[in-house]
Amino acid sequence: MPTILRAPARLTTAEKKVTTTLFLAGPFDDGPAGGPSWRDEVIDAVSDLDITIFDPRNDRWPELAVGSAGRRGAYEWQCAAAFDADVVIVWVPDGSHAPTALMILGYLGAKRSNAKRGSSVVVGGNGWDGLVKLFAQNQRLFPVGDDLHEVIRIARLQLDAARAEKAGA
């Protein structure tokens, strides 16, 4: 059963060494017809894993004024959590624009310049008219396509590898 961390919660340094983590970046929209969101689908799909999921949803964030210290803090938390995560899913479906997800992609792309410090970043969706996928390809991340189930499948493989590495350490 995964542990869900929401902003502003963080793991301690000791917890980071032994806990396999997943960060979810993408739009905050609900699912079709008000159903479960893509984040809820991912959480359900990994519910059998002993991992910690960074879920950036926070009820206060939509109320934060653009340019405010609170909004900046929200971005900083997301970037720090994504940077520390073992696996990051960036999901921006066709027709969606998730500016923070694009910012996180850039942040993680810069981080990947050192392979030992690089998270596994699984990118899916055709949002921003394909820009997200193109950026992922250019940064040598894992652009998967526009099938959320395939994104989840690849992320699970990456989570298994991260769990095995931490167990052997």
N, C-alpha and C. Protein backbone atom coordinates (compact mmCIF):
# COMPACT_ATOMS: atom_id res chain seq x y z
N MET A 1 0.84 -1.18 0.00
CA MET A 1 0.00 0.00 0.00
C MET A 1 0.89 1.25 0.00
N PRO A 2 0.73 2.11 -0.99
CA PRO A 2 1.59 3.30 -1.04
C PRO A 2 1.21 4.33 0.04
N THR A 3 2.20 5.10 0.40
CA THR A 3 2.00 6.25 1.27
C THR A 3 1.89 7.46 0.35
N ILE A 4 0.90 8.30 0.58
CA ILE A 4 0.70 9.49 -0.24
C ILE A 4 1.18 10.71 0.55
N LEU A 5 2.12 11.47 -0.04
CA LEU A 5 2.58 12.71 0.56
C LEU A 5 2.07 13.87 -0.28
N ARG A 6 1.45 14.81 0.36
CA ARG A 6 0.98 16.02 -0.31
C ARG A 6 1.72 17.21 0.26
N ALA A 7 1.83 18.23 -0.54
CA ALA A 7 2.55 19.44 -0.13
C ALA A 7 1.95 19.98 1.16
N PRO A 8 2.76 20.44 2.03
CA PRO A 8 4.21 20.66 1.96
C PRO A 8 5.03 19.53 2.62
N ALA A 9 4.44 18.35 2.82
CA ALA A 9 5.14 17.24 3.48
C ALA A 9 6.38 16.82 2.69
N ARG A 10 7.41 16.40 3.39
CA ARG A 10 8.67 15.95 2.78
C ARG A 10 9.16 14.72 3.53
N LEU A 11 10.05 14.00 2.88
CA LEU A 11 10.72 12.89 3.53
C LEU A 11 11.99 13.39 4.20
N THR A 12 12.38 12.74 5.27
CA THR A 12 13.66 13.06 5.90
C THR A 12 14.78 12.48 5.04
N THR A 13 16.00 12.89 5.30
CA THR A 13 17.15 12.37 4.56
C THR A 13 17.26 10.86 4.75
N ALA A 14 17.03 10.37 5.95
CA ALA A 14 17.09 8.93 6.21
C ALA A 14 16.00 8.19 5.44
N GLU A 15 14.80 8.75 5.40
CA GLU A 15 13.69 8.11 4.68
C GLU A 15 13.98 8.05 3.17
N LYS A 16 14.60 9.09 2.62
CA LYS A 16 14.91 9.11 1.19
C LYS A 16 15.82 7.96 0.78
N LYS A 17 16.70 7.54 1.68
CA LYS A 17 17.64 6.48 1.37
C LYS A 17 16.99 5.11 1.24
N VAL A 18 15.86 4.91 1.93
CA VAL A 18 15.25 3.58 1.95
C VAL A 18 13.86 3.52 1.32
N THR A 19 13.31 4.67 0.96
CA THR A 19 11.96 4.73 0.43
C THR A 19 11.99 4.96 -1.08
N THR A 20 11.28 4.12 -1.81
CA THR A 20 11.14 4.32 -3.26
C THR A 20 10.01 5.30 -3.48
N THR A 21 10.27 6.31 -4.31
CA THR A 21 9.30 7.39 -4.46
C THR A 21 8.89 7.61 -5.92
N LEU A 22 7.65 8.09 -6.06
CA LEU A 22 7.06 8.40 -7.37
C LEU A 22 6.45 9.79 -7.27
N PHE A 23 6.78 10.65 -8.24
CA PHE A 23 6.19 11.99 -8.31
C PHE A 23 5.26 12.06 -9.51
N LEU A 24 4.10 12.70 -9.34
CA LEU A 24 3.10 12.81 -10.40
C LEU A 24 2.99 14.26 -10.87
N ALA A 25 3.44 14.53 -12.10
CA ALA A 25 3.39 15.89 -12.66
C ALA A 25 2.42 15.92 -13.83
N GLY A 26 1.60 16.92 -13.86
CA GLY A 26 0.64 17.07 -14.96
C GLY A 26 -0.53 17.94 -14.54
N PRO A 27 -1.56 18.02 -15.39
CA PRO A 27 -2.69 18.90 -15.09
C PRO A 27 -3.46 18.43 -13.87
N PHE A 28 -4.12 19.37 -13.23
CA PHE A 28 -4.88 19.09 -12.02
C PHE A 28 -6.35 18.83 -12.29
N ASP A 29 -6.73 18.63 -13.54
CA ASP A 29 -8.13 18.42 -13.90
C ASP A 29 -8.67 17.13 -13.34
N ASP A 30 -9.98 17.12 -13.09
CA ASP A 30 -10.67 15.87 -12.76
C ASP A 30 -10.76 15.03 -14.02
N GLY A 31 -11.13 13.79 -13.86
CA GLY A 31 -11.30 12.90 -15.01
C GLY A 31 -12.54 13.25 -15.80
N PRO A 32 -12.79 12.51 -16.88
CA PRO A 32 -13.98 12.76 -17.70
C PRO A 32 -15.26 12.68 -16.87
N ALA A 33 -16.15 13.61 -17.11
CA ALA A 33 -17.45 13.68 -16.43
C ALA A 33 -17.30 13.72 -14.91
N GLY A 34 -16.23 14.41 -14.43
CA GLY A 34 -16.04 14.55 -12.99
C GLY A 34 -15.57 13.28 -12.31
N GLY A 35 -15.16 12.28 -13.09
CA GLY A 35 -14.69 11.01 -12.53
C GLY A 35 -13.30 11.14 -11.96
N PRO A 36 -12.68 10.00 -11.69
CA PRO A 36 -11.33 10.04 -11.12
C PRO A 36 -10.34 10.70 -12.08
N SER A 37 -9.39 11.39 -11.50
CA SER A 37 -8.37 12.06 -12.31
C SER A 37 -7.32 11.04 -12.75
N TRP A 38 -6.45 11.46 -13.64
CA TRP A 38 -5.36 10.59 -14.09
C TRP A 38 -4.48 10.21 -12.90
N ARG A 39 -4.31 11.15 -11.96
CA ARG A 39 -3.50 10.85 -10.78
C ARG A 39 -4.11 9.72 -9.96
N ASP A 40 -5.44 9.76 -9.81
CA ASP A 40 -6.13 8.69 -9.08
C ASP A 40 -5.96 7.35 -9.79
N GLU A 41 -5.97 7.36 -11.13
CA GLU A 41 -5.75 6.12 -11.88
C GLU A 41 -4.35 5.56 -11.62
N VAL A 42 -3.36 6.43 -11.62
CA VAL A 42 -1.99 5.98 -11.35
C VAL A 42 -1.88 5.43 -9.94
N ILE A 43 -2.43 6.15 -8.97
CA ILE A 43 -2.36 5.70 -7.58
C ILE A 43 -3.03 4.33 -7.43
N ASP A 44 -4.18 4.15 -8.06
CA ASP A 44 -4.85 2.84 -8.01
C ASP A 44 -4.00 1.75 -8.65
N ALA A 45 -3.34 2.09 -9.75
CA ALA A 45 -2.55 1.10 -10.49
C ALA A 45 -1.29 0.66 -9.75
N VAL A 46 -0.82 1.46 -8.81
CA VAL A 46 0.38 1.08 -8.04
C VAL A 46 0.04 0.81 -6.58
N SER A 47 -1.22 0.58 -6.30
CA SER A 47 -1.67 0.40 -4.91
C SER A 47 -1.09 -0.84 -4.24
N ASP A 48 -0.53 -1.75 -5.02
CA ASP A 48 0.07 -2.95 -4.45
C ASP A 48 1.54 -2.77 -4.10
N LEU A 49 2.11 -1.62 -4.41
CA LEU A 49 3.54 -1.39 -4.17
C LEU A 49 3.77 -0.64 -2.86
N ASP A 50 4.85 -0.98 -2.20
CA ASP A 50 5.26 -0.30 -0.98
C ASP A 50 6.17 0.86 -1.37
N ILE A 51 5.55 1.97 -1.78
CA ILE A 51 6.27 3.15 -2.24
C ILE A 51 5.64 4.39 -1.59
N THR A 52 6.29 5.51 -1.79
CA THR A 52 5.72 6.80 -1.38
C THR A 52 5.47 7.60 -2.64
N ILE A 53 4.26 8.14 -2.74
CA ILE A 53 3.86 8.92 -3.91
C ILE A 53 3.76 10.39 -3.51
N PHE A 54 4.49 11.22 -4.23
CA PHE A 54 4.34 12.67 -4.07
C PHE A 54 3.20 13.12 -4.97
N ASP A 55 2.10 13.50 -4.36
CA ASP A 55 0.92 13.96 -5.09
C ASP A 55 0.79 15.46 -4.85
N PRO A 56 1.08 16.28 -5.87
CA PRO A 56 1.13 17.73 -5.65
C PRO A 56 -0.22 18.43 -5.48
N ARG A 57 -1.31 17.67 -5.46
CA ARG A 57 -2.60 18.33 -5.26
C ARG A 57 -2.68 18.90 -3.85
N ASN A 58 -3.12 20.14 -3.78
CA ASN A 58 -3.28 20.83 -2.52
C ASN A 58 -4.44 21.80 -2.69
N ASP A 59 -5.44 21.69 -1.83
CA ASP A 59 -6.65 22.50 -1.96
C ASP A 59 -6.39 24.01 -1.90
N ARG A 60 -5.31 24.41 -1.26
CA ARG A 60 -5.02 25.84 -1.13
C ARG A 60 -4.38 26.43 -2.38
N TRP A 61 -3.73 25.62 -3.20
CA TRP A 61 -2.94 26.16 -4.30
C TRP A 61 -3.75 26.94 -5.33
N PRO A 62 -4.93 26.50 -5.73
CA PRO A 62 -5.65 27.29 -6.73
C PRO A 62 -5.98 28.72 -6.28
N GLU A 63 -6.02 28.93 -4.97
CA GLU A 63 -6.34 30.25 -4.43
C GLU A 63 -5.14 31.17 -4.35
N LEU A 64 -3.94 30.64 -4.57
CA LEU A 64 -2.73 31.46 -4.44
C LEU A 64 -2.60 32.42 -5.62
N ALA A 65 -2.31 33.66 -5.32
CA ALA A 65 -2.16 34.67 -6.36
C ALA A 65 -0.88 34.44 -7.15
N VAL A 66 -0.98 34.65 -8.47
CA VAL A 66 0.20 34.54 -9.32
C VAL A 66 1.24 35.54 -8.84
N GLY A 67 2.48 35.10 -8.71
CA GLY A 67 3.56 35.96 -8.26
C GLY A 67 3.70 36.04 -6.75
N SER A 68 2.80 35.38 -6.02
CA SER A 68 2.86 35.45 -4.56
C SER A 68 3.93 34.50 -4.03
N ALA A 69 4.33 34.75 -2.79
CA ALA A 69 5.30 33.87 -2.15
C ALA A 69 4.75 32.46 -2.01
N GLY A 70 3.46 32.33 -1.75
CA GLY A 70 2.83 31.02 -1.64
C GLY A 70 2.87 30.24 -2.95
N ARG A 71 2.62 30.92 -4.07
CA ARG A 71 2.70 30.27 -5.38
C ARG A 71 4.12 29.84 -5.68
N ARG A 72 5.08 30.69 -5.35
CA ARG A 72 6.49 30.34 -5.56
C ARG A 72 6.86 29.13 -4.70
N GLY A 73 6.36 29.10 -3.46
CA GLY A 73 6.61 27.96 -2.58
C GLY A 73 6.02 26.67 -3.12
N ALA A 74 4.85 26.77 -3.75
CA ALA A 74 4.21 25.60 -4.35
C ALA A 74 5.07 25.06 -5.49
N TYR A 75 5.58 25.93 -6.34
CA TYR A 75 6.47 25.51 -7.43
C TYR A 75 7.75 24.89 -6.88
N GLU A 76 8.32 25.53 -5.87
CA GLU A 76 9.56 25.03 -5.29
C GLU A 76 9.37 23.65 -4.68
N TRP A 77 8.23 23.42 -4.00
CA TRP A 77 7.97 22.10 -3.43
C TRP A 77 7.88 21.06 -4.55
N GLN A 78 7.16 21.39 -5.62
CA GLN A 78 7.01 20.43 -6.71
C GLN A 78 8.36 20.10 -7.35
N CYS A 79 9.16 21.12 -7.61
CA CYS A 79 10.48 20.87 -8.21
C CYS A 79 11.37 20.05 -7.29
N ALA A 80 11.38 20.38 -6.01
CA ALA A 80 12.22 19.64 -5.06
C ALA A 80 11.75 18.20 -4.93
N ALA A 81 10.43 17.98 -4.85
CA ALA A 81 9.91 16.62 -4.72
C ALA A 81 10.19 15.81 -5.99
N ALA A 82 10.02 16.42 -7.16
CA ALA A 82 10.31 15.73 -8.42
C ALA A 82 11.80 15.43 -8.53
N PHE A 83 12.63 16.36 -8.12
CA PHE A 83 14.08 16.18 -8.18
C PHE A 83 14.52 15.02 -7.30
N ASP A 84 13.90 14.87 -6.14
CA ASP A 84 14.26 13.82 -5.19
C ASP A 84 13.64 12.47 -5.53
N ALA A 85 12.59 12.44 -6.33
CA ALA A 85 11.87 11.19 -6.60
C ALA A 85 12.71 10.21 -7.41
N ASP A 86 12.49 8.94 -7.17
CA ASP A 86 13.16 7.90 -7.95
C ASP A 86 12.57 7.80 -9.35
N VAL A 87 11.25 7.95 -9.43
CA VAL A 87 10.55 7.89 -10.71
C VAL A 87 9.58 9.06 -10.77
N VAL A 88 9.50 9.69 -11.93
CA VAL A 88 8.58 10.81 -12.14
C VAL A 88 7.71 10.47 -13.34
N ILE A 89 6.40 10.60 -13.16
CA ILE A 89 5.49 10.51 -14.30
C ILE A 89 5.09 11.93 -14.66
N VAL A 90 5.30 12.30 -15.92
CA VAL A 90 4.81 13.56 -16.44
C VAL A 90 3.74 13.19 -17.46
N TRP A 91 2.49 13.51 -17.15
CA TRP A 91 1.36 13.17 -18.01
C TRP A 91 0.64 14.46 -18.40
N VAL A 92 0.69 14.79 -19.68
CA VAL A 92 0.00 15.97 -20.19
C VAL A 92 -0.78 15.52 -21.43
N PRO A 93 -2.06 15.14 -21.25
CA PRO A 93 -2.82 14.62 -22.38
C PRO A 93 -3.12 15.68 -23.43
N ASP A 94 -3.48 15.19 -24.60
CA ASP A 94 -3.80 16.05 -25.73
C ASP A 94 -4.83 17.11 -25.31
N GLY A 95 -4.57 18.33 -25.70
CA GLY A 95 -5.48 19.43 -25.39
C GLY A 95 -5.22 20.06 -24.02
N SER A 96 -4.31 19.51 -23.26
CA SER A 96 -4.02 20.05 -21.92
C SER A 96 -2.77 20.91 -21.96
N HIS A 97 -2.75 21.84 -21.04
CA HIS A 97 -1.57 22.67 -20.82
C HIS A 97 -1.30 22.63 -19.33
N ALA A 98 -0.16 22.14 -18.97
CA ALA A 98 0.24 22.06 -17.57
C ALA A 98 1.59 22.74 -17.44
N PRO A 99 1.59 24.06 -17.25
CA PRO A 99 2.85 24.80 -17.24
C PRO A 99 3.85 24.31 -16.20
N THR A 100 3.36 23.91 -15.03
CA THR A 100 4.28 23.43 -14.00
C THR A 100 4.94 22.13 -14.45
N ALA A 101 4.19 21.26 -15.12
CA ALA A 101 4.76 20.00 -15.61
C ALA A 101 5.87 20.28 -16.61
N LEU A 102 5.67 21.27 -17.47
CA LEU A 102 6.71 21.62 -18.44
C LEU A 102 7.94 22.19 -17.72
N MET A 103 7.70 22.98 -16.70
CA MET A 103 8.81 23.53 -15.91
C MET A 103 9.58 22.38 -15.22
N ILE A 104 8.84 21.41 -14.69
CA ILE A 104 9.48 20.27 -14.03
C ILE A 104 10.28 19.46 -15.04
N LEU A 105 9.76 19.30 -16.26
CA LEU A 105 10.52 18.60 -17.30
C LEU A 105 11.86 19.30 -17.56
N GLY A 106 11.83 20.62 -17.65
CA GLY A 106 13.06 21.37 -17.85
C GLY A 106 14.03 21.20 -16.69
N TYR A 107 13.50 21.24 -15.50
CA TYR A 107 14.29 21.08 -14.28
C TYR A 107 14.94 19.70 -14.26
N LEU A 108 14.16 18.67 -14.58
CA LEU A 108 14.68 17.31 -14.56
C LEU A 108 15.62 17.04 -15.74
N GLY A 109 15.36 17.69 -16.87
CA GLY A 109 16.27 17.57 -18.01
C GLY A 109 17.65 18.09 -17.66
N ALA A 110 17.69 19.20 -16.93
CA ALA A 110 18.98 19.74 -16.49
C ALA A 110 19.64 18.80 -15.49
N LYS A 111 18.87 18.19 -14.64
CA LYS A 111 19.39 17.26 -13.65
C LYS A 111 20.00 16.03 -14.32
N ARG A 112 19.46 15.63 -15.45
CA ARG A 112 19.92 14.42 -16.12
C ARG A 112 21.30 14.59 -16.74
N SER A 113 21.86 15.79 -16.68
CA SER A 113 23.22 15.97 -17.20
C SER A 113 24.23 15.14 -16.41
N ASN A 114 23.84 14.70 -15.21
CA ASN A 114 24.65 13.80 -14.41
C ASN A 114 23.85 12.52 -14.24
N ALA A 115 24.19 11.47 -14.99
CA ALA A 115 23.39 10.24 -15.01
C ALA A 115 23.20 9.61 -13.64
N LYS A 116 24.16 9.74 -12.76
CA LYS A 116 24.03 9.14 -11.43
C LYS A 116 22.97 9.85 -10.60
N ARG A 117 22.66 11.07 -10.93
CA ARG A 117 21.66 11.82 -10.17
C ARG A 117 20.32 11.86 -10.88
N GLY A 118 20.19 11.17 -11.98
CA GLY A 118 18.97 11.27 -12.78
C GLY A 118 17.87 10.34 -12.32
N SER A 119 16.67 10.88 -12.20
CA SER A 119 15.49 10.07 -11.94
C SER A 119 15.07 9.41 -13.24
N SER A 120 14.26 8.38 -13.13
CA SER A 120 13.59 7.85 -14.30
C SER A 120 12.38 8.73 -14.54
N VAL A 121 12.30 9.37 -15.69
CA VAL A 121 11.21 10.28 -16.01
C VAL A 121 10.42 9.68 -17.15
N VAL A 122 9.19 9.28 -16.87
CA VAL A 122 8.32 8.66 -17.85
C VAL A 122 7.32 9.71 -18.31
N VAL A 123 7.35 10.04 -19.59
CA VAL A 123 6.56 11.15 -20.12
C VAL A 123 5.50 10.62 -21.06
N GLY A 124 4.27 11.08 -20.88
CA GLY A 124 3.19 10.65 -21.75
C GLY A 124 2.22 11.77 -22.06
N GLY A 125 1.48 11.57 -23.13
CA GLY A 125 0.48 12.53 -23.56
C GLY A 125 0.98 13.38 -24.71
N ASN A 126 0.04 14.00 -25.38
CA ASN A 126 0.36 14.87 -26.52
C ASN A 126 0.04 16.33 -26.22
N GLY A 127 0.06 16.69 -24.94
CA GLY A 127 -0.26 18.06 -24.56
C GLY A 127 0.70 19.08 -25.13
N TRP A 128 0.28 20.32 -25.06
CA TRP A 128 1.03 21.44 -25.62
C TRP A 128 1.33 21.17 -27.10
N ASP A 129 0.38 20.55 -27.77
CA ASP A 129 0.52 20.23 -29.20
C ASP A 129 1.79 19.44 -29.51
N GLY A 130 2.11 18.49 -28.66
CA GLY A 130 3.26 17.62 -28.89
C GLY A 130 4.57 18.13 -28.32
N LEU A 131 4.57 19.34 -27.77
CA LEU A 131 5.81 19.92 -27.24
C LEU A 131 6.38 19.10 -26.09
N VAL A 132 5.51 18.57 -25.24
CA VAL A 132 5.97 17.79 -24.09
C VAL A 132 6.75 16.55 -24.57
N LYS A 133 6.19 15.86 -25.55
CA LYS A 133 6.85 14.66 -26.08
C LYS A 133 8.17 15.01 -26.76
N LEU A 134 8.17 16.08 -27.53
CA LEU A 134 9.39 16.51 -28.22
C LEU A 134 10.48 16.87 -27.21
N PHE A 135 10.10 17.60 -26.18
CA PHE A 135 11.07 17.98 -25.16
C PHE A 135 11.64 16.73 -24.49
N ALA A 136 10.77 15.77 -24.17
CA ALA A 136 11.23 14.53 -23.53
C ALA A 136 12.21 13.79 -24.43
N GLN A 137 11.93 13.73 -25.72
CA GLN A 137 12.85 13.07 -26.65
C GLN A 137 14.19 13.77 -26.67
N ASN A 138 14.18 15.08 -26.71
CA ASN A 138 15.42 15.85 -26.77
C ASN A 138 16.25 15.70 -25.50
N GLN A 139 15.59 15.48 -24.38
CA GLN A 139 16.31 15.34 -23.10
C GLN A 139 16.64 13.88 -22.79
N ARG A 140 16.34 12.97 -23.71
CA ARG A 140 16.59 11.53 -23.53
C ARG A 140 15.89 11.00 -22.29
N LEU A 141 14.64 11.44 -22.09
CA LEU A 141 13.82 10.91 -21.02
C LEU A 141 13.06 9.71 -21.58
N PHE A 142 11.95 9.30 -21.02
CA PHE A 142 11.19 8.16 -21.51
C PHE A 142 9.87 8.64 -22.12
N PRO A 143 9.87 9.16 -23.35
CA PRO A 143 8.57 9.53 -23.95
C PRO A 143 7.84 8.26 -24.38
N VAL A 144 6.66 8.04 -23.83
CA VAL A 144 5.96 6.77 -24.03
C VAL A 144 4.84 6.87 -25.05
N GLY A 145 4.15 7.97 -25.12
CA GLY A 145 3.02 8.09 -26.04
C GLY A 145 1.80 8.61 -25.31
N ASP A 146 0.65 8.42 -25.90
CA ASP A 146 -0.56 9.01 -25.32
C ASP A 146 -1.50 7.98 -24.69
N ASP A 147 -0.95 6.86 -24.21
CA ASP A 147 -1.73 5.84 -23.52
C ASP A 147 -1.30 5.81 -22.06
N LEU A 148 -2.18 6.28 -21.16
CA LEU A 148 -1.84 6.35 -19.74
C LEU A 148 -1.49 4.98 -19.18
N HIS A 149 -2.15 3.94 -19.65
CA HIS A 149 -1.86 2.59 -19.14
C HIS A 149 -0.43 2.15 -19.50
N GLU A 150 0.05 2.55 -20.66
CA GLU A 150 1.43 2.25 -21.04
C GLU A 150 2.41 3.07 -20.21
N VAL A 151 2.07 4.31 -19.93
CA VAL A 151 2.90 5.15 -19.05
C VAL A 151 3.02 4.49 -17.69
N ILE A 152 1.91 4.00 -17.16
CA ILE A 152 1.90 3.34 -15.86
C ILE A 152 2.74 2.06 -15.91
N ARG A 153 2.62 1.29 -16.98
CA ARG A 153 3.38 0.04 -17.11
C ARG A 153 4.88 0.32 -17.07
N ILE A 154 5.32 1.32 -17.85
CA ILE A 154 6.75 1.66 -17.88
C ILE A 154 7.20 2.21 -16.52
N ALA A 155 6.37 3.03 -15.89
CA ALA A 155 6.71 3.57 -14.57
C ALA A 155 6.85 2.45 -13.54
N ARG A 156 5.98 1.45 -13.61
CA ARG A 156 6.09 0.31 -12.68
C ARG A 156 7.42 -0.42 -12.86
N LEU A 157 7.85 -0.59 -14.11
CA LEU A 157 9.15 -1.23 -14.35
C LEU A 157 10.27 -0.41 -13.72
N GLN A 158 10.20 0.91 -13.88
CA GLN A 158 11.21 1.79 -13.30
C GLN A 158 11.16 1.77 -11.77
N LEU A 159 9.95 1.70 -11.21
CA LEU A 159 9.81 1.61 -9.75
C LEU A 159 10.39 0.30 -9.23
N ASP A 160 10.14 -0.80 -9.95
CA ASP A 160 10.71 -2.10 -9.55
C ASP A 160 12.24 -2.03 -9.53
N ALA A 161 12.83 -1.41 -10.54
CA ALA A 161 14.28 -1.28 -10.61
C ALA A 161 14.80 -0.42 -9.45
N ALA A 162 14.10 0.67 -9.13
CA ALA A 162 14.51 1.55 -8.03
C ALA A 162 14.39 0.82 -6.69
N ARG A 163 13.31 0.06 -6.53
CA ARG A 163 13.13 -0.70 -5.27
C ARG A 163 14.24 -1.73 -5.12
N ALA A 164 14.58 -2.43 -6.18
CA ALA A 164 15.65 -3.45 -6.13
C ALA A 164 17.00 -2.80 -5.80
N GLU A 165 17.26 -1.63 -6.38
CA GLU A 165 18.52 -0.94 -6.11
C GLU A 165 18.61 -0.52 -4.65
N LYS A 166 17.52 -0.01 -4.10
CA LYS A 166 17.54 0.43 -2.69
C LYS A 166 17.62 -0.77 -1.75
N ALA A 167 17.03 -1.88 -2.13
CA ALA A 167 17.08 -3.09 -1.30
C ALA A 167 18.50 -3.65 -1.26
N GLY A 168 19.24 -3.50 -2.36
CA GLY A 168 20.61 -4.01 -2.43
C GLY A 168 21.65 -3.08 -1.84
N ALA A 169 21.24 -1.84 -1.57
CA ALA A 169 22.21 -0.85 -1.08
C ALA A 169 22.57 -1.03 0.38
